[in-house]
């Protein structure tokens, strides 16, 4: 599987935000995550591309 790009992850984030998605397994809501989206997506991208699939706290 090809690594996820930052553009793909950002597009996915935009879809979740627009759909007002529910909180994740860590209990963080879309609006809470939005306050730290730049840092959170960068860290998430690193973890996904490293193969980590567990719980993520940003």
N, C-alpha and C. Protein backbone atom coordinates (compact mmCIF):
# COMPACT_ATOMS: atom_id res chain seq x y z
N UNK A 1 0.85 -1.18 0.00
CA UNK A 1 0.00 0.00 0.00
C UNK A 1 0.89 1.24 0.00
N UNK A 2 0.56 2.20 -0.84
CA UNK A 2 1.33 3.44 -0.93
C UNK A 2 1.10 4.29 0.31
N UNK A 3 2.12 5.03 0.72
CA UNK A 3 1.95 5.91 1.89
C UNK A 3 0.84 6.94 1.64
N UNK A 4 0.18 7.29 2.70
CA UNK A 4 -0.85 8.33 2.66
C UNK A 4 -0.16 9.68 2.51
N UNK A 5 -0.68 10.54 1.66
CA UNK A 5 -0.08 11.87 1.50
C UNK A 5 -0.80 12.87 2.40
N UNK A 6 -0.14 13.98 2.66
CA UNK A 6 -0.76 15.01 3.49
C UNK A 6 -1.99 15.58 2.80
N UNK A 7 -1.98 15.64 1.47
CA UNK A 7 -3.14 16.14 0.73
C UNK A 7 -4.34 15.21 0.90
N UNK A 8 -4.10 13.90 0.84
CA UNK A 8 -5.19 12.94 1.02
C UNK A 8 -5.76 13.01 2.42
N UNK A 9 -4.88 13.13 3.40
CA UNK A 9 -5.35 13.22 4.79
C UNK A 9 -6.13 14.51 5.01
N UNK A 10 -5.66 15.61 4.44
CA UNK A 10 -6.37 16.88 4.59
C UNK A 10 -7.75 16.79 3.94
N UNK A 11 -7.85 16.18 2.76
CA UNK A 11 -9.15 16.02 2.10
C UNK A 11 -10.08 15.16 2.94
N UNK A 12 -9.56 14.12 3.56
CA UNK A 12 -10.37 13.27 4.43
C UNK A 12 -10.86 14.08 5.63
N UNK A 13 -9.98 14.89 6.23
CA UNK A 13 -10.36 15.74 7.35
C UNK A 13 -11.49 16.69 6.95
N UNK A 14 -11.37 17.29 5.79
CA UNK A 14 -12.40 18.23 5.31
C UNK A 14 -13.76 17.52 5.20
N UNK A 15 -13.77 16.29 4.70
CA UNK A 15 -15.04 15.55 4.58
C UNK A 15 -15.63 15.26 5.95
N UNK A 16 -14.79 14.84 6.89
CA UNK A 16 -15.28 14.57 8.25
C UNK A 16 -15.83 15.84 8.87
N UNK A 17 -15.10 16.95 8.73
CA UNK A 17 -15.54 18.22 9.32
C UNK A 17 -16.85 18.67 8.71
N UNK A 18 -16.97 18.58 7.40
CA UNK A 18 -18.20 18.99 6.72
C UNK A 18 -19.39 18.13 7.14
N UNK A 19 -19.14 16.85 7.41
CA UNK A 19 -20.21 15.94 7.82
C UNK A 19 -20.46 15.98 9.33
N UNK A 20 -19.68 16.79 10.03
CA UNK A 20 -19.78 16.89 11.48
C UNK A 20 -19.69 15.50 12.12
N UNK A 21 -18.64 14.77 11.72
CA UNK A 21 -18.42 13.41 12.21
C UNK A 21 -18.41 13.32 13.73
N UNK A 22 -18.61 12.12 14.23
CA UNK A 22 -18.69 11.90 15.68
C UNK A 22 -17.29 11.77 16.28
N UNK A 23 -17.24 11.76 17.59
CA UNK A 23 -15.98 11.60 18.30
C UNK A 23 -15.35 10.26 17.97
N UNK A 24 -14.03 10.23 18.02
CA UNK A 24 -13.31 8.99 17.76
C UNK A 24 -13.20 8.14 19.00
N UNK A 25 -12.40 7.09 18.89
CA UNK A 25 -12.21 6.16 20.00
C UNK A 25 -11.62 6.85 21.22
N UNK A 26 -10.90 7.94 21.01
CA UNK A 26 -10.29 8.67 22.13
C UNK A 26 -11.25 9.69 22.74
N UNK A 27 -12.45 9.82 22.17
CA UNK A 27 -13.44 10.74 22.72
C UNK A 27 -13.30 12.17 22.26
N UNK A 28 -12.33 12.47 21.41
CA UNK A 28 -12.12 13.82 20.91
C UNK A 28 -13.13 14.10 19.81
N UNK A 29 -13.88 15.19 19.95
CA UNK A 29 -14.87 15.55 18.94
C UNK A 29 -14.21 16.25 17.76
N UNK A 30 -14.95 16.37 16.67
CA UNK A 30 -14.44 17.07 15.49
C UNK A 30 -14.05 18.49 15.85
N UNK A 31 -14.86 19.15 16.65
CA UNK A 31 -14.59 20.55 16.98
C UNK A 31 -13.39 20.68 17.91
N UNK A 32 -13.18 19.72 18.79
CA UNK A 32 -11.98 19.75 19.63
C UNK A 32 -10.73 19.54 18.78
N UNK A 33 -10.81 18.60 17.87
CA UNK A 33 -9.67 18.32 17.00
C UNK A 33 -9.38 19.51 16.09
N UNK A 34 -10.42 20.22 15.66
CA UNK A 34 -10.25 21.35 14.76
C UNK A 34 -9.34 22.42 15.36
N UNK A 35 -9.34 22.54 16.68
CA UNK A 35 -8.50 23.53 17.34
C UNK A 35 -7.03 23.23 17.25
N UNK A 36 -6.69 22.01 16.90
CA UNK A 36 -5.27 21.62 16.78
C UNK A 36 -5.03 20.78 15.53
N UNK A 37 -5.80 21.08 14.50
CA UNK A 37 -5.77 20.27 13.29
C UNK A 37 -4.41 20.24 12.61
N UNK A 38 -3.70 21.34 12.54
CA UNK A 38 -2.40 21.35 11.86
C UNK A 38 -1.42 20.38 12.52
N UNK A 39 -1.29 20.47 13.82
CA UNK A 39 -0.39 19.58 14.56
C UNK A 39 -0.92 18.15 14.55
N UNK A 40 -2.23 18.01 14.76
CA UNK A 40 -2.83 16.69 14.84
C UNK A 40 -2.71 15.90 13.56
N UNK A 41 -2.96 16.53 12.43
CA UNK A 41 -2.88 15.81 11.15
C UNK A 41 -1.45 15.44 10.82
N UNK A 42 -0.49 16.30 11.15
CA UNK A 42 0.91 15.97 10.88
C UNK A 42 1.34 14.74 11.69
N UNK A 43 0.96 14.71 12.96
CA UNK A 43 1.31 13.56 13.80
C UNK A 43 0.57 12.30 13.34
N UNK A 44 -0.70 12.46 12.98
CA UNK A 44 -1.47 11.31 12.51
C UNK A 44 -0.88 10.74 11.23
N UNK A 45 -0.47 11.60 10.32
CA UNK A 45 0.13 11.15 9.06
C UNK A 45 1.40 10.34 9.34
N UNK A 46 2.24 10.80 10.23
CA UNK A 46 3.45 10.07 10.58
C UNK A 46 3.11 8.68 11.12
N UNK A 47 2.13 8.63 12.00
CA UNK A 47 1.77 7.36 12.63
C UNK A 47 1.14 6.39 11.64
N UNK A 48 0.26 6.87 10.80
CA UNK A 48 -0.38 6.00 9.80
C UNK A 48 0.68 5.44 8.85
N UNK A 49 1.56 6.29 8.37
CA UNK A 49 2.57 5.84 7.42
C UNK A 49 3.62 4.93 8.06
N UNK A 50 3.72 4.97 9.38
CA UNK A 50 4.62 4.06 10.09
C UNK A 50 3.93 2.73 10.41
N UNK A 51 2.63 2.63 10.11
CA UNK A 51 1.91 1.40 10.30
C UNK A 51 1.20 1.28 11.63
N UNK A 52 1.20 2.34 12.44
CA UNK A 52 0.53 2.30 13.74
C UNK A 52 -0.97 2.43 13.53
N UNK A 53 -1.73 1.51 14.14
CA UNK A 53 -3.19 1.53 13.97
C UNK A 53 -3.93 1.66 15.28
N UNK A 54 -3.22 1.89 16.36
CA UNK A 54 -3.87 1.99 17.67
C UNK A 54 -4.47 3.35 17.93
N UNK A 55 -4.87 3.55 19.15
CA UNK A 55 -5.51 4.79 19.58
C UNK A 55 -4.57 5.98 19.40
N UNK A 56 -5.11 7.10 18.97
CA UNK A 56 -4.31 8.30 18.69
C UNK A 56 -4.80 9.45 19.56
N UNK A 57 -3.90 10.04 20.28
CA UNK A 57 -4.21 11.26 21.04
C UNK A 57 -3.35 12.38 20.48
N UNK A 58 -4.00 13.47 20.13
CA UNK A 58 -3.23 14.58 19.57
C UNK A 58 -2.95 15.64 20.60
